[in-house]
């Protein structure tokens, strides 16, 4: 399993060896693991903030704004505010450079939230993050249309659970029943990004604590996830009226599909 050390990048991240390697891995294998992207103390602080601000999402039931995605496992909204509104998370220069290389220069943040695997969560069914766009004959030949970017707030490992991935399965017409997954350890400060077409599944959380995986969906500007936001009460993105005021022009491009007026908050 290839891992990319993202320390000591100088100059334009888009021209770095790390982005080149990560893009190559995404195209060939359908995923990339990026190590040492975030300071460990920042991620630990986010984990604390999650448990303080989003304690209601630690209960084992689907709420109006959440989606059940497996036994004791839920997709939940996260506000683009506080520590979670830090642009180094959703607009990390290295990650955005990779996203724009893999998708297109005007790629967007289509959704932002967390997958919370509660203590005792069981193994998920094998799945793709959404159906393929066209027929199974055509879909494997196409470039990515969307990517899932995951930042574990608790180390992803055998105890806490991780995301089991099936390398190169973004190029499969159908799932290979004989295939064996890879189950990466993703430490605090590292992250993983995968093609929406990649087959994967969450593994059991055998620890006594919830495991939040902060995620952003990056997509081509015309794409909207058709399966993970099926309820009118769910939000793909949540932000306050002042969110756009402090954004640089480059970061604002990530939300170019959104009307920034307060009445249009989504």
C-alpha atoms as a PDB file:
ATOM      1  CA  UNK A   1       0.000   0.000   0.000  1.00  0.00           C
ATOM      2  CA  UNK A   2       1.524   3.256  -1.151  1.00  0.00           C
ATOM      3  CA  UNK A   3       1.585   6.149   1.330  1.00  0.00           C
ATOM      4  CA  UNK A   4       2.628   9.720   0.560  1.00  0.00           C
ATOM      5  CA  UNK A   5       4.545  11.767   3.130  1.00  0.00           C
ATOM      6  CA  UNK A   6       3.278  15.341   2.851  1.00  0.00           C
ATOM      7  CA  UNK A   7       5.792  17.038   5.127  1.00  0.00           C
ATOM      8  CA  UNK A   8       8.256  19.658   3.968  1.00  0.00           C
ATOM      9  CA  UNK A   9       6.407  20.865   0.885  1.00  0.00           C
ATOM     10  CA  UNK A  10       7.718  24.239  -0.252  1.00  0.00           C
ATOM     11  CA  UNK A  11       6.413  26.492  -2.986  1.00  0.00           C
ATOM     12  CA  UNK A  12       3.281  25.743  -4.984  1.00  0.00           C
ATOM     13  CA  UNK A  13       1.724  22.480  -3.674  1.00  0.00           C
ATOM     14  CA  UNK A  14       0.234  21.878  -7.116  1.00  0.00           C
ATOM     15  CA  UNK A  15       3.725  21.453  -8.514  1.00  0.00           C
ATOM     16  CA  UNK A  16       4.957  19.207  -5.709  1.00  0.00           C
ATOM     17  CA  UNK A  17       6.057  15.606  -6.069  1.00  0.00           C
ATOM     18  CA  UNK A  18       3.475  14.676  -3.442  1.00  0.00           C
ATOM     19  CA  UNK A  19       0.555  15.873  -5.551  1.00  0.00           C
ATOM     20  CA  UNK A  20       1.969  14.138  -8.606  1.00  0.00           C
ATOM     21  CA  UNK A  21       2.295  10.857  -6.713  1.00  0.00           C
ATOM     22  CA  UNK A  22      -1.136  11.197  -5.105  1.00  0.00           C
ATOM     23  CA  UNK A  23      -2.810  11.914  -8.428  1.00  0.00           C
ATOM     24  CA  UNK A  24      -1.076   8.941 -10.021  1.00  0.00           C
ATOM     25  CA  UNK A  25      -2.267   6.737  -7.145  1.00  0.00           C
ATOM     26  CA  UNK A  26      -5.827   8.037  -7.444  1.00  0.00           C
ATOM     27  CA  UNK A  27      -5.940   7.335 -11.171  1.00  0.00           C
ATOM     28  CA  UNK A  28      -4.376   3.878 -10.930  1.00  0.00           C
ATOM     29  CA  UNK A  29      -5.673   2.581  -7.603  1.00  0.00           C
ATOM     30  CA  UNK A  30      -8.714   4.745  -6.890  1.00  0.00           C
ATOM     31  CA  UNK A  31      -7.408   6.145  -3.612  1.00  0.00           C
ATOM     32  CA  UNK A  32      -4.458   7.876  -1.978  1.00  0.00           C
ATOM     33  CA  UNK A  33      -3.287   7.992   1.635  1.00  0.00           C
ATOM     34  CA  UNK A  34      -1.695  11.291   2.586  1.00  0.00           C
ATOM     35  CA  UNK A  35       0.425  11.281   5.735  1.00  0.00           C
ATOM     36  CA  UNK A  36       1.342  14.262   7.930  1.00  0.00           C
ATOM     37  CA  UNK A  37      -1.067  16.724   6.327  1.00  0.00           C
ATOM     38  CA  UNK A  38      -2.410  18.278   9.542  1.00  0.00           C
ATOM     39  CA  UNK A  39      -0.837  19.038  12.943  1.00  0.00           C
ATOM     40  CA  UNK A  40      -1.800  16.266  15.354  1.00  0.00           C
ATOM     41  CA  UNK A  41      -2.796  18.712  18.103  1.00  0.00           C
ATOM     42  CA  UNK A  42      -5.257  20.427  15.716  1.00  0.00           C
ATOM     43  CA  UNK A  43      -7.006  17.134  14.966  1.00  0.00           C
ATOM     44  CA  UNK A  44      -7.134  16.131  18.630  1.00  0.00           C
ATOM     45  CA  UNK A  45      -8.699  19.522  19.396  1.00  0.00           C
ATOM     46  CA  UNK A  46     -11.280  18.901  16.652  1.00  0.00           C
ATOM     47  CA  UNK A  47     -12.139  15.540  18.197  1.00  0.00           C
ATOM     48  CA  UNK A  48     -12.765  17.280  21.526  1.00  0.00           C
ATOM     49  CA  UNK A  49     -14.828  19.965  19.788  1.00  0.00           C
ATOM     50  CA  UNK A  50     -16.881  17.294  18.049  1.00  0.00           C
ATOM     51  CA  UNK A  51     -17.766  15.589  21.326  1.00  0.00           C
ATOM     52  CA  UNK A  52     -18.614  18.933  22.954  1.00  0.00           C
ATOM     53  CA  UNK A  53     -20.615  20.493  20.126  1.00  0.00           C
ATOM     54  CA  UNK A  54     -22.144  17.411  18.510  1.00  0.00           C
ATOM     55  CA  UNK A  55     -22.869  15.178  21.498  1.00  0.00           C
ATOM     56  CA  UNK A  56     -26.377  14.479  20.180  1.00  0.00           C
ATOM     57  CA  UNK A  57     -24.850  12.493  17.326  1.00  0.00           C
ATOM     58  CA  UNK A  58     -23.458   9.925  19.750  1.00  0.00           C
ATOM     59  CA  UNK A  59     -26.883   8.353  20.225  1.00  0.00           C
ATOM     60  CA  UNK A  60     -27.801   5.223  18.325  1.00  0.00           C
ATOM     61  CA  UNK A  61     -30.746   6.500  16.313  1.00  0.00           C
ATOM     62  CA  UNK A  62     -31.289   8.371  13.089  1.00  0.00           C
ATOM     63  CA  UNK A  63     -32.241  12.015  13.598  1.00  0.00           C
ATOM     64  CA  UNK A  64     -33.974  14.371  11.191  1.00  0.00           C
ATOM     65  CA  UNK A  65     -30.643  15.702   9.916  1.00  0.00           C
ATOM     66  CA  UNK A  66     -28.670  12.434   9.917  1.00  0.00           C
ATOM     67  CA  UNK A  67     -28.657   9.312   7.751  1.00  0.00           C
ATOM     68  CA  UNK A  68     -28.221   5.716   8.902  1.00  0.00           C
ATOM     69  CA  UNK A  69     -25.358   4.203   6.860  1.00  0.00           C
ATOM     70  CA  UNK A  70     -24.797   0.960   8.771  1.00  0.00           C
ATOM     71  CA  UNK A  71     -25.334  -0.617  12.164  1.00  0.00           C
ATOM     72  CA  UNK A  72     -24.499   2.096  14.762  1.00  0.00           C
ATOM     73  CA  UNK A  73     -23.062   4.273  11.987  1.00  0.00           C
ATOM     74  CA  UNK A  74     -24.440   7.626  10.795  1.00  0.00           C
ATOM     75  CA  UNK A  75     -23.736  10.390   8.306  1.00  0.00           C
ATOM     76  CA  UNK A  76     -24.064  13.681  10.199  1.00  0.00           C
ATOM     77  CA  UNK A  77     -23.812  17.384   9.249  1.00  0.00           C
ATOM     78  CA  UNK A  78     -20.940  19.542  10.493  1.00  0.00           C
ATOM     79  CA  UNK A  79     -21.128  23.333  10.508  1.00  0.00           C
ATOM     80  CA  UNK A  80     -18.475  25.296   8.678  1.00  0.00           C
ATOM     81  CA  UNK A  81     -17.750  27.206  11.881  1.00  0.00           C
ATOM     82  CA  UNK A  82     -15.431  27.060  14.888  1.00  0.00           C
ATOM     83  CA  UNK A  83     -12.544  24.672  14.404  1.00  0.00           C
ATOM     84  CA  UNK A  84     -14.454  22.879  11.659  1.00  0.00           C
ATOM     85  CA  UNK A  85     -14.647  26.106   9.679  1.00  0.00           C
ATOM     86  CA  UNK A  86     -10.857  26.324   9.456  1.00  0.00           C
ATOM     87  CA  UNK A  87      -9.985  26.594   5.736  1.00  0.00           C
ATOM     88  CA  UNK A  88      -6.964  24.354   6.277  1.00  0.00           C
ATOM     89  CA  UNK A  89      -9.472  21.491   6.501  1.00  0.00           C
ATOM     90  CA  UNK A  90     -11.855  21.954   3.572  1.00  0.00           C
ATOM     91  CA  UNK A  91      -9.502  24.135   1.476  1.00  0.00           C
ATOM     92  CA  UNK A  92      -6.148  22.622   2.351  1.00  0.00           C
ATOM     93  CA  UNK A  93      -3.776  23.817  -0.409  1.00  0.00           C
ATOM     94  CA  UNK A  94      -2.284  20.373  -0.983  1.00  0.00           C
ATOM     95  CA  UNK A  95      -5.656  18.641  -1.116  1.00  0.00           C
ATOM     96  CA  UNK A  96      -7.270  21.310  -3.293  1.00  0.00           C
ATOM     97  CA  UNK A  97      -4.359  21.079  -5.735  1.00  0.00           C
ATOM     98  CA  UNK A  98      -4.889  17.314  -5.916  1.00  0.00           C
ATOM     99  CA  UNK A  99      -8.658  17.697  -6.308  1.00  0.00           C
ATOM    100  CA  UNK A 100      -8.294  20.187  -9.135  1.00  0.00           C
ATOM    101  CA  UNK A 101      -5.818  17.925 -10.887  1.00  0.00           C
ATOM    102  CA  UNK A 102      -8.093  14.894 -10.542  1.00  0.00           C
ATOM    103  CA  UNK A 103     -11.381  16.660 -11.321  1.00  0.00           C
ATOM    104  CA  UNK A 104     -11.181  20.136 -12.836  1.00  0.00           C
ATOM    105  CA  UNK A 105     -10.005  23.633 -11.844  1.00  0.00           C
ATOM    106  CA  UNK A 106     -13.522  24.691 -10.826  1.00  0.00           C
ATOM    107  CA  UNK A 107     -14.203  21.632  -8.636  1.00  0.00           C
ATOM    108  CA  UNK A 108     -16.503  22.333  -5.688  1.00  0.00           C
ATOM    109  CA  UNK A 109     -17.078  21.231  -2.105  1.00  0.00           C
ATOM    110  CA  UNK A 110     -20.361  19.402  -2.639  1.00  0.00           C
ATOM    111  CA  UNK A 111     -20.867  18.236   0.965  1.00  0.00           C
ATOM    112  CA  UNK A 112     -19.165  18.492   4.357  1.00  0.00           C
ATOM    113  CA  UNK A 113     -19.890  16.428   7.438  1.00  0.00           C
ATOM    114  CA  UNK A 114     -18.818  13.347   9.353  1.00  0.00           C
ATOM    115  CA  UNK A 115     -19.384   9.625   9.397  1.00  0.00           C
ATOM    116  CA  UNK A 116     -19.722   8.633  13.040  1.00  0.00           C
ATOM    117  CA  UNK A 117     -19.025   4.983  13.847  1.00  0.00           C
ATOM    118  CA  UNK A 118     -20.283   4.374  17.367  1.00  0.00           C
ATOM    119  CA  UNK A 119     -18.752   1.856  19.732  1.00  0.00           C
ATOM    120  CA  UNK A 120     -19.984  -1.560  18.651  1.00  0.00           C
ATOM    121  CA  UNK A 121     -20.654  -0.562  15.050  1.00  0.00           C
ATOM    122  CA  UNK A 122     -20.473  -3.579  12.786  1.00  0.00           C
ATOM    123  CA  UNK A 123     -18.942  -4.061   9.366  1.00  0.00           C
ATOM    124  CA  UNK A 124     -20.647  -2.090   6.607  1.00  0.00           C
ATOM    125  CA  UNK A 125     -21.860  -3.617   3.399  1.00  0.00           C
ATOM    126  CA  UNK A 126     -19.448  -3.188   0.507  1.00  0.00           C
ATOM    127  CA  UNK A 127     -20.530  -0.194  -1.518  1.00  0.00           C
ATOM    128  CA  UNK A 128     -19.623   2.705  -3.767  1.00  0.00           C
ATOM    129  CA  UNK A 129     -20.408   6.219  -2.568  1.00  0.00           C
ATOM    130  CA  UNK A 130     -22.953   6.600  -5.353  1.00  0.00           C
ATOM    131  CA  UNK A 131     -24.073   4.763  -8.468  1.00  0.00           C
ATOM    132  CA  UNK A 132     -21.882   5.099 -11.538  1.00  0.00           C
ATOM    133  CA  UNK A 133     -22.935   7.838 -13.934  1.00  0.00           C
ATOM    134  CA  UNK A 134     -23.402   5.736 -17.043  1.00  0.00           C
ATOM    135  CA  UNK A 135     -23.441   2.068 -17.999  1.00  0.00           C
ATOM    136  CA  UNK A 136     -20.950  -0.327 -16.443  1.00  0.00           C
ATOM    137  CA  UNK A 137     -19.247  -0.604 -19.827  1.00  0.00           C
ATOM    138  CA  UNK A 138     -18.466   3.100 -19.970  1.00  0.00           C
ATOM    139  CA  UNK A 139     -18.069   4.122 -16.325  1.00  0.00           C
ATOM    140  CA  UNK A 140     -14.702   2.418 -15.655  1.00  0.00           C
ATOM    141  CA  UNK A 141     -13.125   4.272 -18.579  1.00  0.00           C
ATOM    142  CA  UNK A 142     -14.038   7.751 -17.387  1.00  0.00           C
ATOM    143  CA  UNK A 143     -12.079  10.105 -15.127  1.00  0.00           C
ATOM    144  CA  UNK A 144     -13.395  10.694 -11.609  1.00  0.00           C
ATOM    145  CA  UNK A 145     -16.509  12.824 -11.201  1.00  0.00           C
ATOM    146  CA  UNK A 146     -16.348  13.084  -7.393  1.00  0.00           C
ATOM    147  CA  UNK A 147     -13.961  12.289  -4.536  1.00  0.00           C
ATOM    148  CA  UNK A 148     -14.444  11.543  -0.856  1.00  0.00           C
ATOM    149  CA  UNK A 149     -11.826  13.128   1.402  1.00  0.00           C
ATOM    150  CA  UNK A 150     -11.667  11.726   4.930  1.00  0.00           C
ATOM    151  CA  UNK A 151      -9.876  13.125   7.983  1.00  0.00           C
ATOM    152  CA  UNK A 152     -10.026  10.743  10.960  1.00  0.00           C
ATOM    153  CA  UNK A 153     -10.467  12.510  14.286  1.00  0.00           C
ATOM    154  CA  UNK A 154      -9.441   9.270  15.989  1.00  0.00           C
ATOM    155  CA  UNK A 155      -6.825   6.983  14.495  1.00  0.00           C
ATOM    156  CA  UNK A 156      -8.295   4.550  12.004  1.00  0.00           C
ATOM    157  CA  UNK A 157      -7.012   1.107  12.956  1.00  0.00           C
ATOM    158  CA  UNK A 158      -8.123  -2.417  13.814  1.00  0.00           C
ATOM    159  CA  UNK A 159      -9.505  -1.367  17.212  1.00  0.00           C
ATOM    160  CA  UNK A 160     -11.338   1.835  16.292  1.00  0.00           C
ATOM    161  CA  UNK A 161     -12.205   0.661  12.805  1.00  0.00           C
ATOM    162  CA  UNK A 162     -11.020   1.920   9.454  1.00  0.00           C
ATOM    163  CA  UNK A 163     -12.184   2.084   5.843  1.00  0.00           C
ATOM    164  CA  UNK A 164     -11.459  -1.153   4.004  1.00  0.00           C
ATOM    165  CA  UNK A 165     -10.756  -0.340   0.365  1.00  0.00           C
ATOM    166  CA  UNK A 166     -10.585  -2.489  -2.753  1.00  0.00           C
ATOM    167  CA  UNK A 167      -7.720  -1.090  -4.851  1.00  0.00           C
ATOM    168  CA  UNK A 168      -8.463  -0.445  -8.532  1.00  0.00           C
ATOM    169  CA  UNK A 169     -12.156  -1.248  -8.036  1.00  0.00           C
ATOM    170  CA  UNK A 170     -13.094   2.143  -9.501  1.00  0.00           C
ATOM    171  CA  UNK A 171     -12.251   0.468 -12.825  1.00  0.00           C
ATOM    172  CA  UNK A 172     -14.390  -2.613 -12.223  1.00  0.00           C
ATOM    173  CA  UNK A 173     -17.600  -3.211 -14.159  1.00  0.00           C
ATOM    174  CA  UNK A 174     -18.920  -5.365 -11.321  1.00  0.00           C
ATOM    175  CA  UNK A 175     -17.624  -6.256  -7.888  1.00  0.00           C
ATOM    176  CA  UNK A 176     -15.003  -9.032  -7.804  1.00  0.00           C
ATOM    177  CA  UNK A 177     -16.204 -11.493  -5.164  1.00  0.00           C
ATOM    178  CA  UNK A 178     -12.705 -12.967  -4.865  1.00  0.00           C
ATOM    179  CA  UNK A 179     -11.044  -9.634  -4.083  1.00  0.00           C
ATOM    180  CA  UNK A 180      -9.484  -8.915  -0.714  1.00  0.00           C
ATOM    181  CA  UNK A 181      -9.558  -5.399   0.736  1.00  0.00           C
ATOM    182  CA  UNK A 182      -6.747  -3.373   2.217  1.00  0.00           C
ATOM    183  CA  UNK A 183      -7.397  -1.999   5.693  1.00  0.00           C
ATOM    184  CA  UNK A 184      -5.075   0.971   6.205  1.00  0.00           C
ATOM    185  CA  UNK A 185      -4.058   2.446   9.522  1.00  0.00           C
ATOM    186  CA  UNK A 186      -4.588   6.192   9.174  1.00  0.00           C
ATOM    187  CA  UNK A 187      -3.017   8.082  12.103  1.00  0.00           C
ATOM    188  CA  UNK A 188      -4.085  11.398  13.547  1.00  0.00           C
ATOM    189  CA  UNK A 189      -2.923  14.120  11.141  1.00  0.00           C
ATOM    190  CA  UNK A 190      -3.122  11.894   8.085  1.00  0.00           C
ATOM    191  CA  UNK A 191      -6.040  11.499   5.683  1.00  0.00           C
ATOM    192  CA  UNK A 192      -7.383   9.426   2.832  1.00  0.00           C
ATOM    193  CA  UNK A 193      -9.057  10.362  -0.430  1.00  0.00           C
ATOM    194  CA  UNK A 194     -10.862   8.038  -2.815  1.00  0.00           C
ATOM    195  CA  UNK A 195     -12.778   7.991  -6.069  1.00  0.00           C
ATOM    196  CA  UNK A 196     -16.576   7.894  -5.610  1.00  0.00           C
ATOM    197  CA  UNK A 197     -16.606   4.709  -7.714  1.00  0.00           C
ATOM    198  CA  UNK A 198     -14.227   2.805  -5.412  1.00  0.00           C
ATOM    199  CA  UNK A 199     -15.717  -0.179  -3.585  1.00  0.00           C
ATOM    200  CA  UNK A 200     -15.140   0.087   0.171  1.00  0.00           C
ATOM    201  CA  UNK A 201     -16.705  -0.518   3.570  1.00  0.00           C
ATOM    202  CA  UNK A 202     -16.298   0.667   7.134  1.00  0.00           C
ATOM    203  CA  UNK A 203     -14.895  -1.945   9.526  1.00  0.00           C
ATOM    204  CA  UNK A 204     -16.195  -2.581  13.076  1.00  0.00           C
ATOM    205  CA  UNK A 205     -15.465  -0.163  15.900  1.00  0.00           C
ATOM    206  CA  UNK A 206     -14.364  -2.468  18.712  1.00  0.00           C
ATOM    207  CA  UNK A 207     -13.323   0.351  21.030  1.00  0.00           C
ATOM    208  CA  UNK A 208     -15.433   1.972  23.754  1.00  0.00           C
ATOM    209  CA  UNK A 209     -15.558   5.378  22.029  1.00  0.00           C
ATOM    210  CA  UNK A 210     -17.154   6.807  18.868  1.00  0.00           C
ATOM    211  CA  UNK A 211     -14.921   7.264  15.814  1.00  0.00           C
ATOM    212  CA  UNK A 212     -15.767  10.408  13.811  1.00  0.00           C
ATOM    213  CA  UNK A 213     -14.435  10.605  10.270  1.00  0.00           C
ATOM    214  CA  UNK A 214     -14.665  14.199   9.057  1.00  0.00           C
ATOM    215  CA  UNK A 215     -15.294  14.235   5.318  1.00  0.00           C
ATOM    216  CA  UNK A 216     -15.646  16.566   2.378  1.00  0.00           C
ATOM    217  CA  UNK A 217     -17.087  15.553  -0.965  1.00  0.00           C
ATOM    218  CA  UNK A 218     -15.313  17.285  -3.845  1.00  0.00           C
ATOM    219  CA  UNK A 219     -17.028  17.126  -7.199  1.00  0.00           C
ATOM    220  CA  UNK A 220     -17.174  18.503 -10.695  1.00  0.00           C
ATOM    221  CA  UNK A 221     -19.351  21.582 -10.606  1.00  0.00           C
ATOM    222  CA  UNK A 222     -22.296  19.922 -12.345  1.00  0.00           C
ATOM    223  CA  UNK A 223     -22.462  16.896 -10.032  1.00  0.00           C
ATOM    224  CA  UNK A 224     -24.665  16.369  -6.981  1.00  0.00           C
ATOM    225  CA  UNK A 225     -24.600  13.223  -4.822  1.00  0.00           C
ATOM    226  CA  UNK A 226     -27.945  11.477  -5.476  1.00  0.00           C
ATOM    227  CA  UNK A 227     -28.016   8.910  -2.653  1.00  0.00           C
ATOM    228  CA  UNK A 228     -26.632  10.267   0.628  1.00  0.00           C
ATOM    229  CA  UNK A 229     -29.009  13.208   1.034  1.00  0.00           C
ATOM    230  CA  UNK A 230     -32.394  11.651   0.499  1.00  0.00           C
ATOM    231  CA  UNK A 231     -34.230  13.543   3.255  1.00  0.00           C
ATOM    232  CA  UNK A 232     -35.343  17.162   2.927  1.00  0.00           C
ATOM    233  CA  UNK A 233     -34.135  17.768   6.485  1.00  0.00           C
ATOM    234  CA  UNK A 234     -30.533  16.866   5.674  1.00  0.00           C
ATOM    235  CA  UNK A 235     -27.975  19.541   4.777  1.00  0.00           C
ATOM    236  CA  UNK A 236     -25.086  19.009   2.380  1.00  0.00           C
ATOM    237  CA  UNK A 237     -23.397  22.160   3.655  1.00  0.00           C
ATOM    238  CA  UNK A 238     -24.199  24.234   6.741  1.00  0.00           C
ATOM    239  CA  UNK A 239     -22.780  27.686   7.335  1.00  0.00           C
ATOM    240  CA  UNK A 240     -23.673  31.022   8.878  1.00  0.00           C
ATOM    241  CA  UNK A 241     -24.342  34.296   7.062  1.00  0.00           C
ATOM    242  CA  UNK A 242     -20.792  35.537   7.694  1.00  0.00           C
ATOM    243  CA  UNK A 243     -19.073  32.439   6.318  1.00  0.00           C
ATOM    244  CA  UNK A 244     -18.347  33.857   2.861  1.00  0.00           C
ATOM    245  CA  UNK A 245     -17.138  37.226   4.123  1.00  0.00           C
ATOM    246  CA  UNK A 246     -13.687  36.010   5.107  1.00  0.00           C
ATOM    247  CA  UNK A 247     -13.060  33.704   2.156  1.00  0.00           C
ATOM    248  CA  UNK A 248     -10.320  34.446  -0.324  1.00  0.00           C
ATOM    249  CA  UNK A 249     -11.304  34.399  -3.981  1.00  0.00           C
ATOM    250  CA  UNK A 250      -9.608  31.033  -4.448  1.00  0.00           C
ATOM    251  CA  UNK A 251     -11.471  29.435  -1.546  1.00  0.00           C
ATOM    252  CA  UNK A 252     -14.719  31.023  -2.664  1.00  0.00           C
ATOM    253  CA  UNK A 253     -14.396  29.103  -5.949  1.00  0.00           C
ATOM    254  CA  UNK A 254     -14.976  25.891  -3.983  1.00  0.00           C
ATOM    255  CA  UNK A 255     -18.490  27.172  -3.226  1.00  0.00           C
ATOM    256  CA  UNK A 256     -19.236  28.733  -6.597  1.00  0.00           C
ATOM    257  CA  UNK A 257     -22.398  26.620  -6.880  1.00  0.00           C
ATOM    258  CA  UNK A 258     -23.941  28.306  -3.824  1.00  0.00           C
ATOM    259  CA  UNK A 259     -25.807  31.575  -3.480  1.00  0.00           C
ATOM    260  CA  UNK A 260     -23.955  33.212  -0.548  1.00  0.00           C
ATOM    261  CA  UNK A 261     -26.902  35.365   0.555  1.00  0.00           C
ATOM    262  CA  UNK A 262     -28.205  34.552   4.088  1.00  0.00           C
ATOM    263  CA  UNK A 263     -31.588  33.504   2.744  1.00  0.00           C
ATOM    264  CA  UNK A 264     -29.911  30.833   0.604  1.00  0.00           C
ATOM    265  CA  UNK A 265     -28.028  29.086   3.430  1.00  0.00           C
ATOM    266  CA  UNK A 266     -27.955  25.386   2.610  1.00  0.00           C
END
